[in-house]
Amino acid sequence: MRKQILALSLILVMLMGIAAQAIGPMQAPAAAPKLSFSGTTATCSVIIRSGASSTDKISVTAKLWNGRTCLKTWTASGTGRVSLSKTATVSKGKTYKLTVDYTVNGVKQPQKSVTRTCH
C-alpha cells in the first residue's frame, strides 16, 4: 500500500510540473527607458510591456530632469505595450535624468530611470 501511495505521489508531482511548463512562466512588466542627445536636443524614449497579457492596461509618465528641476513631463497609455518618444532642448555639459513611472492594470510598478550627460 505504501509503495502505491508513493508511486501515485510521484506521478502527481510529475504531472504538476508538466502542467506548469505548459502554462509557461509569467513575465513581469518591464520598462526600458533611453536618453540620447544630438547637439542640444535630447530624445527621451521608453517602451513598456505588461508581460502578462496583451489586454493589460498600461499608463506611463516620463519626466526629464536637470538636477531637481523637472524640464518636461509626458504621458501615454494603452494596452499590452506602450511606447513613447519625445524630444526636449538641453544644454551641452549638463547631466540629465529621465524617470519613468508606470502602472499595469492600476498597479504601480518600480520606477525606472537613466542618467546621461549631454556632450
N, C-alpha and C. Protein backbone atom coordinates (compact mmCIF):
# COMPACT_ATOMS: atom_id res chain seq x y z
N MET A 1 0.82 -1.19 0.00
CA MET A 1 0.00 0.00 0.00
C MET A 1 0.87 1.26 0.00
N ARG A 2 1.96 1.26 0.80
CA ARG A 2 2.83 2.43 0.87
C ARG A 2 3.50 2.68 -0.48
N LYS A 3 3.87 1.60 -1.17
CA LYS A 3 4.52 1.75 -2.48
C LYS A 3 3.55 2.37 -3.48
N GLN A 4 2.28 2.00 -3.41
CA GLN A 4 1.28 2.54 -4.32
C GLN A 4 1.07 4.03 -4.06
N ILE A 5 1.03 4.42 -2.78
CA ILE A 5 0.84 5.83 -2.44
C ILE A 5 2.06 6.63 -2.89
N LEU A 6 3.25 6.08 -2.68
CA LEU A 6 4.47 6.75 -3.10
C LEU A 6 4.50 6.90 -4.62
N ALA A 7 4.15 5.86 -5.33
CA ALA A 7 4.14 5.90 -6.80
C ALA A 7 3.11 6.93 -7.29
N LEU A 8 1.93 6.95 -6.68
CA LEU A 8 0.90 7.89 -7.06
C LEU A 8 1.34 9.33 -6.77
N SER A 9 2.00 9.53 -5.65
CA SER A 9 2.50 10.86 -5.30
C SER A 9 3.54 11.34 -6.31
N LEU A 10 4.44 10.45 -6.71
CA LEU A 10 5.45 10.82 -7.70
C LEU A 10 4.81 11.16 -9.04
N ILE A 11 3.81 10.43 -9.44
CA ILE A 11 3.12 10.71 -10.70
C ILE A 11 2.44 12.08 -10.64
N LEU A 12 1.80 12.37 -9.51
CA LEU A 12 1.13 13.67 -9.36
C LEU A 12 2.13 14.81 -9.42
N VAL A 13 3.28 14.66 -8.78
CA VAL A 13 4.31 15.70 -8.81
C VAL A 13 4.79 15.93 -10.23
N MET A 14 5.02 14.85 -10.97
CA MET A 14 5.47 14.98 -12.36
C MET A 14 4.41 15.66 -13.22
N LEU A 15 3.14 15.29 -13.03
CA LEU A 15 2.07 15.90 -13.81
C LEU A 15 1.94 17.38 -13.50
N MET A 16 2.10 17.77 -12.25
CA MET A 16 2.03 19.18 -11.88
C MET A 16 3.16 19.96 -12.54
N GLY A 17 4.33 19.37 -12.62
CA GLY A 17 5.47 20.01 -13.28
C GLY A 17 5.22 20.20 -14.76
N ILE A 18 4.64 19.19 -15.40
CA ILE A 18 4.32 19.29 -16.83
C ILE A 18 3.27 20.36 -17.06
N ALA A 19 2.25 20.41 -16.22
CA ALA A 19 1.20 21.42 -16.35
C ALA A 19 1.78 22.83 -16.19
N ALA A 20 2.68 23.01 -15.25
CA ALA A 20 3.29 24.32 -15.03
C ALA A 20 4.12 24.74 -16.24
N GLN A 21 4.82 23.81 -16.86
CA GLN A 21 5.60 24.12 -18.04
C GLN A 21 4.69 24.47 -19.22
N ALA A 22 3.55 23.83 -19.33
CA ALA A 22 2.63 24.10 -20.42
C ALA A 22 2.08 25.52 -20.32
N ILE A 23 1.83 25.99 -19.12
CA ILE A 23 1.33 27.34 -18.93
C ILE A 23 2.42 28.35 -19.28
N GLY A 24 3.64 28.04 -18.95
CA GLY A 24 4.76 28.92 -19.24
C GLY A 24 4.99 29.90 -18.11
N PRO A 25 6.18 30.44 -18.05
CA PRO A 25 6.49 31.38 -16.98
C PRO A 25 5.80 32.72 -17.23
N MET A 26 5.30 33.30 -16.15
CA MET A 26 4.71 34.63 -16.25
C MET A 26 5.84 35.64 -16.35
N GLN A 27 5.75 36.54 -17.29
CA GLN A 27 6.76 37.57 -17.41
C GLN A 27 6.33 38.79 -16.61
N ALA A 28 7.27 39.38 -15.94
CA ALA A 28 6.99 40.58 -15.16
C ALA A 28 6.90 41.78 -16.10
N PRO A 29 6.13 42.78 -15.73
CA PRO A 29 6.12 44.01 -16.53
C PRO A 29 7.53 44.58 -16.62
N ALA A 30 7.82 45.26 -17.72
CA ALA A 30 9.16 45.81 -17.91
C ALA A 30 9.10 47.16 -18.59
N ALA A 31 10.04 48.02 -18.21
CA ALA A 31 10.19 49.34 -18.83
C ALA A 31 11.64 49.50 -19.26
N ALA A 32 11.83 50.04 -20.45
CA ALA A 32 13.18 50.24 -20.97
C ALA A 32 13.35 51.70 -21.40
N PRO A 33 13.77 52.59 -20.48
CA PRO A 33 13.96 53.99 -20.85
C PRO A 33 15.29 54.22 -21.55
N LYS A 34 15.30 55.19 -22.47
CA LYS A 34 16.53 55.56 -23.17
C LYS A 34 16.60 57.08 -23.26
N LEU A 35 17.80 57.59 -23.10
CA LEU A 35 18.05 59.03 -23.19
C LEU A 35 19.28 59.23 -24.07
N SER A 36 19.10 59.95 -25.18
CA SER A 36 20.22 60.20 -26.08
C SER A 36 20.22 61.67 -26.48
N PHE A 37 21.35 62.12 -27.01
CA PHE A 37 21.50 63.53 -27.38
C PHE A 37 22.03 63.66 -28.80
N SER A 38 21.55 64.70 -29.47
CA SER A 38 22.08 65.11 -30.76
C SER A 38 22.20 66.62 -30.69
N GLY A 39 23.41 67.08 -30.50
CA GLY A 39 23.60 68.51 -30.27
C GLY A 39 22.94 68.89 -28.96
N THR A 40 22.00 69.84 -29.02
CA THR A 40 21.29 70.27 -27.82
C THR A 40 19.85 69.75 -27.80
N THR A 41 19.61 68.66 -28.51
CA THR A 41 18.29 68.02 -28.48
C THR A 41 18.40 66.67 -27.79
N ALA A 42 17.61 66.50 -26.74
CA ALA A 42 17.55 65.23 -26.03
C ALA A 42 16.37 64.44 -26.59
N THR A 43 16.59 63.17 -26.86
CA THR A 43 15.50 62.27 -27.24
C THR A 43 15.25 61.34 -26.07
N CYS A 44 14.03 61.41 -25.55
CA CYS A 44 13.62 60.63 -24.39
C CYS A 44 12.62 59.59 -24.86
N SER A 45 12.94 58.33 -24.67
CA SER A 45 12.03 57.29 -25.14
C SER A 45 11.92 56.17 -24.12
N VAL A 46 10.81 55.48 -24.18
CA VAL A 46 10.59 54.34 -23.29
C VAL A 46 9.62 53.38 -23.97
N ILE A 47 9.85 52.11 -23.74
CA ILE A 47 8.91 51.07 -24.16
C ILE A 47 8.51 50.31 -22.91
N ILE A 48 7.21 50.19 -22.70
CA ILE A 48 6.66 49.47 -21.56
C ILE A 48 5.91 48.27 -22.10
N ARG A 49 6.15 47.10 -21.52
CA ARG A 49 5.34 45.93 -21.87
C ARG A 49 4.77 45.36 -20.58
N SER A 50 3.53 44.90 -20.69
CA SER A 50 2.85 44.42 -19.48
C SER A 50 3.40 43.10 -19.02
N GLY A 51 3.80 42.25 -19.94
CA GLY A 51 4.38 40.96 -19.58
C GLY A 51 3.39 39.84 -19.47
N ALA A 52 2.18 40.11 -19.02
CA ALA A 52 1.22 39.03 -18.78
C ALA A 52 0.22 38.87 -19.91
N SER A 53 -0.37 39.96 -20.37
CA SER A 53 -1.44 39.86 -21.36
C SER A 53 -1.44 41.07 -22.27
N SER A 54 -1.81 40.86 -23.51
CA SER A 54 -1.87 41.97 -24.47
C SER A 54 -3.06 42.89 -24.19
N THR A 55 -3.90 42.52 -23.25
CA THR A 55 -5.04 43.37 -22.89
C THR A 55 -4.83 44.13 -21.58
N ASP A 56 -3.67 43.96 -20.94
CA ASP A 56 -3.37 44.70 -19.72
C ASP A 56 -3.32 46.20 -20.03
N LYS A 57 -3.89 47.00 -19.13
CA LYS A 57 -3.90 48.45 -19.31
C LYS A 57 -2.63 49.05 -18.70
N ILE A 58 -1.95 49.86 -19.51
CA ILE A 58 -0.69 50.48 -19.09
C ILE A 58 -0.83 51.99 -19.14
N SER A 59 -0.35 52.66 -18.09
CA SER A 59 -0.25 54.12 -18.06
C SER A 59 1.18 54.47 -17.69
N VAL A 60 1.75 55.44 -18.39
CA VAL A 60 3.14 55.81 -18.16
C VAL A 60 3.29 57.32 -18.09
N THR A 61 4.18 57.76 -17.18
CA THR A 61 4.57 59.17 -17.09
C THR A 61 6.09 59.21 -17.13
N ALA A 62 6.63 59.93 -18.11
CA ALA A 62 8.08 60.10 -18.23
C ALA A 62 8.42 61.56 -17.93
N LYS A 63 9.51 61.77 -17.19
CA LYS A 63 9.93 63.12 -16.83
C LYS A 63 11.42 63.28 -17.11
N LEU A 64 11.77 64.42 -17.69
CA LEU A 64 13.17 64.76 -17.91
C LEU A 64 13.58 65.77 -16.86
N TRP A 65 14.67 65.45 -16.15
CA TRP A 65 15.14 66.26 -15.03
C TRP A 65 16.54 66.81 -15.29
N ASN A 66 16.76 68.03 -14.79
CA ASN A 66 18.10 68.60 -14.69
C ASN A 66 18.25 68.94 -13.22
N GLY A 67 18.97 68.09 -12.49
CA GLY A 67 19.05 68.23 -11.03
C GLY A 67 17.67 68.01 -10.43
N ARG A 68 17.18 68.97 -9.65
CA ARG A 68 15.86 68.86 -9.02
C ARG A 68 14.76 69.53 -9.85
N THR A 69 15.14 70.04 -11.01
CA THR A 69 14.18 70.76 -11.86
C THR A 69 13.63 69.82 -12.94
N CYS A 70 12.31 69.68 -12.96
CA CYS A 70 11.66 68.88 -14.00
C CYS A 70 11.47 69.77 -15.22
N LEU A 71 12.11 69.39 -16.33
CA LEU A 71 12.05 70.19 -17.55
C LEU A 71 10.83 69.87 -18.40
N LYS A 72 10.50 68.61 -18.49
CA LYS A 72 9.37 68.17 -19.33
C LYS A 72 8.70 66.97 -18.68
N THR A 73 7.40 66.85 -18.93
CA THR A 73 6.62 65.69 -18.49
C THR A 73 5.77 65.23 -19.65
N TRP A 74 5.78 63.92 -19.89
CA TRP A 74 4.96 63.34 -20.96
C TRP A 74 4.20 62.15 -20.40
N THR A 75 3.01 61.92 -20.93
CA THR A 75 2.22 60.77 -20.51
C THR A 75 1.73 60.00 -21.74
N ALA A 76 1.47 58.73 -21.53
CA ALA A 76 0.91 57.88 -22.58
C ALA A 76 0.18 56.73 -21.91
N SER A 77 -0.71 56.10 -22.65
CA SER A 77 -1.40 54.92 -22.13
C SER A 77 -1.80 54.03 -23.29
N GLY A 78 -2.10 52.80 -22.96
CA GLY A 78 -2.50 51.83 -23.97
C GLY A 78 -2.66 50.46 -23.35
N THR A 79 -2.68 49.44 -24.19
CA THR A 79 -2.82 48.07 -23.71
C THR A 79 -1.69 47.20 -24.23
N GLY A 80 -1.20 46.32 -23.35
CA GLY A 80 -0.18 45.34 -23.74
C GLY A 80 1.22 45.88 -23.85
N ARG A 81 1.37 46.94 -24.66
CA ARG A 81 2.70 47.53 -24.91
C ARG A 81 2.49 49.00 -25.25
N VAL A 82 3.26 49.87 -24.60
CA VAL A 82 3.16 51.31 -24.85
C VAL A 82 4.55 51.85 -25.12
N SER A 83 4.67 52.65 -26.17
CA SER A 83 5.95 53.30 -26.44
C SER A 83 5.73 54.81 -26.49
N LEU A 84 6.76 55.53 -26.07
CA LEU A 84 6.71 56.99 -26.02
C LEU A 84 8.08 57.49 -26.45
N SER A 85 8.11 58.48 -27.32
CA SER A 85 9.38 59.07 -27.74
C SER A 85 9.15 60.57 -27.95
N LYS A 86 9.87 61.39 -27.18
CA LYS A 86 9.72 62.84 -27.22
C LYS A 86 11.09 63.49 -27.20
N THR A 87 11.13 64.76 -27.59
CA THR A 87 12.39 65.50 -27.57
C THR A 87 12.26 66.74 -26.69
N ALA A 88 13.41 67.22 -26.25
CA ALA A 88 13.48 68.44 -25.45
C ALA A 88 14.81 69.13 -25.73
N THR A 89 14.82 70.43 -25.60
CA THR A 89 16.05 71.20 -25.78
C THR A 89 16.83 71.19 -24.47
N VAL A 90 18.13 70.90 -24.59
CA VAL A 90 19.00 70.80 -23.41
C VAL A 90 20.28 71.61 -23.66
N SER A 91 21.15 71.65 -22.67
CA SER A 91 22.42 72.37 -22.78
C SER A 91 23.58 71.39 -22.70
N LYS A 92 24.58 71.64 -23.53
CA LYS A 92 25.77 70.79 -23.50
C LYS A 92 26.49 70.93 -22.17
N GLY A 93 27.09 69.81 -21.72
CA GLY A 93 27.86 69.80 -20.48
C GLY A 93 27.03 69.54 -19.23
N LYS A 94 25.71 69.49 -19.37
CA LYS A 94 24.85 69.25 -18.22
C LYS A 94 24.38 67.79 -18.19
N THR A 95 24.08 67.32 -16.97
CA THR A 95 23.63 65.95 -16.78
C THR A 95 22.11 65.94 -16.61
N TYR A 96 21.46 65.00 -17.29
CA TYR A 96 20.00 64.89 -17.29
C TYR A 96 19.59 63.48 -16.88
N LYS A 97 18.41 63.42 -16.29
CA LYS A 97 17.87 62.14 -15.85
C LYS A 97 16.46 62.00 -16.41
N LEU A 98 16.18 60.84 -16.98
CA LEU A 98 14.84 60.50 -17.46
C LEU A 98 14.26 59.48 -16.50
N THR A 99 13.14 59.83 -15.86
CA THR A 99 12.47 58.89 -14.96
C THR A 99 11.19 58.41 -15.60
N VAL A 100 10.84 57.16 -15.32
CA VAL A 100 9.63 56.56 -15.88
C VAL A 100 8.84 55.91 -14.74
N ASP A 101 7.64 56.43 -14.54
CA ASP A 101 6.70 55.84 -13.58
C ASP A 101 5.57 55.23 -14.39
N TYR A 102 5.17 54.00 -14.03
CA TYR A 102 4.10 53.38 -14.80
C TYR A 102 3.28 52.42 -13.95
N THR A 103 2.06 52.18 -14.42
CA THR A 103 1.17 51.23 -13.78
C THR A 103 0.71 50.22 -14.81
N VAL A 104 0.46 49.01 -14.34
CA VAL A 104 -0.14 47.96 -15.17
C VAL A 104 -1.41 47.52 -14.46
N ASN A 105 -2.54 47.71 -15.12
CA ASN A 105 -3.85 47.43 -14.53
C ASN A 105 -4.02 48.14 -13.20
N GLY A 106 -3.51 49.38 -13.13
CA GLY A 106 -3.66 50.19 -11.92
C GLY A 106 -2.65 49.90 -10.83
N VAL A 107 -1.78 48.91 -11.03
CA VAL A 107 -0.78 48.55 -10.02
C VAL A 107 0.54 49.26 -10.34
N LYS A 108 0.99 50.09 -9.40
CA LYS A 108 2.23 50.84 -9.58
C LYS A 108 3.42 49.89 -9.67
N GLN A 109 4.29 50.13 -10.64
CA GLN A 109 5.49 49.32 -10.85
C GLN A 109 6.71 50.13 -10.38
N PRO A 110 7.84 49.45 -10.15
CA PRO A 110 9.04 50.16 -9.71
C PRO A 110 9.50 51.19 -10.75
N GLN A 111 9.88 52.36 -10.27
CA GLN A 111 10.35 53.41 -11.19
C GLN A 111 11.64 52.98 -11.89
N LYS A 112 11.74 53.34 -13.14
CA LYS A 112 12.96 53.11 -13.92
C LYS A 112 13.54 54.47 -14.29
N SER A 113 14.85 54.53 -14.44
CA SER A 113 15.46 55.79 -14.83
C SER A 113 16.79 55.56 -15.55
N VAL A 114 17.22 56.59 -16.24
CA VAL A 114 18.52 56.58 -16.91
C VAL A 114 19.07 57.99 -16.81
N THR A 115 20.38 58.09 -16.56
CA THR A 115 21.05 59.39 -16.42
C THR A 115 22.20 59.47 -17.43
N ARG A 116 22.27 60.61 -18.12
CA ARG A 116 23.32 60.81 -19.11
C ARG A 116 23.73 62.29 -19.14
N THR A 117 24.94 62.52 -19.62
CA THR A 117 25.43 63.89 -19.77
C THR A 117 25.44 64.24 -21.26
N CYS A 118 24.97 65.46 -21.56
CA CYS A 118 24.95 65.94 -22.94
C CYS A 118 26.36 66.45 -23.29
N HIS A 119 26.96 65.86 -24.32
CA HIS A 119 28.33 66.26 -24.74
C HIS A 119 28.28 66.98 -26.07
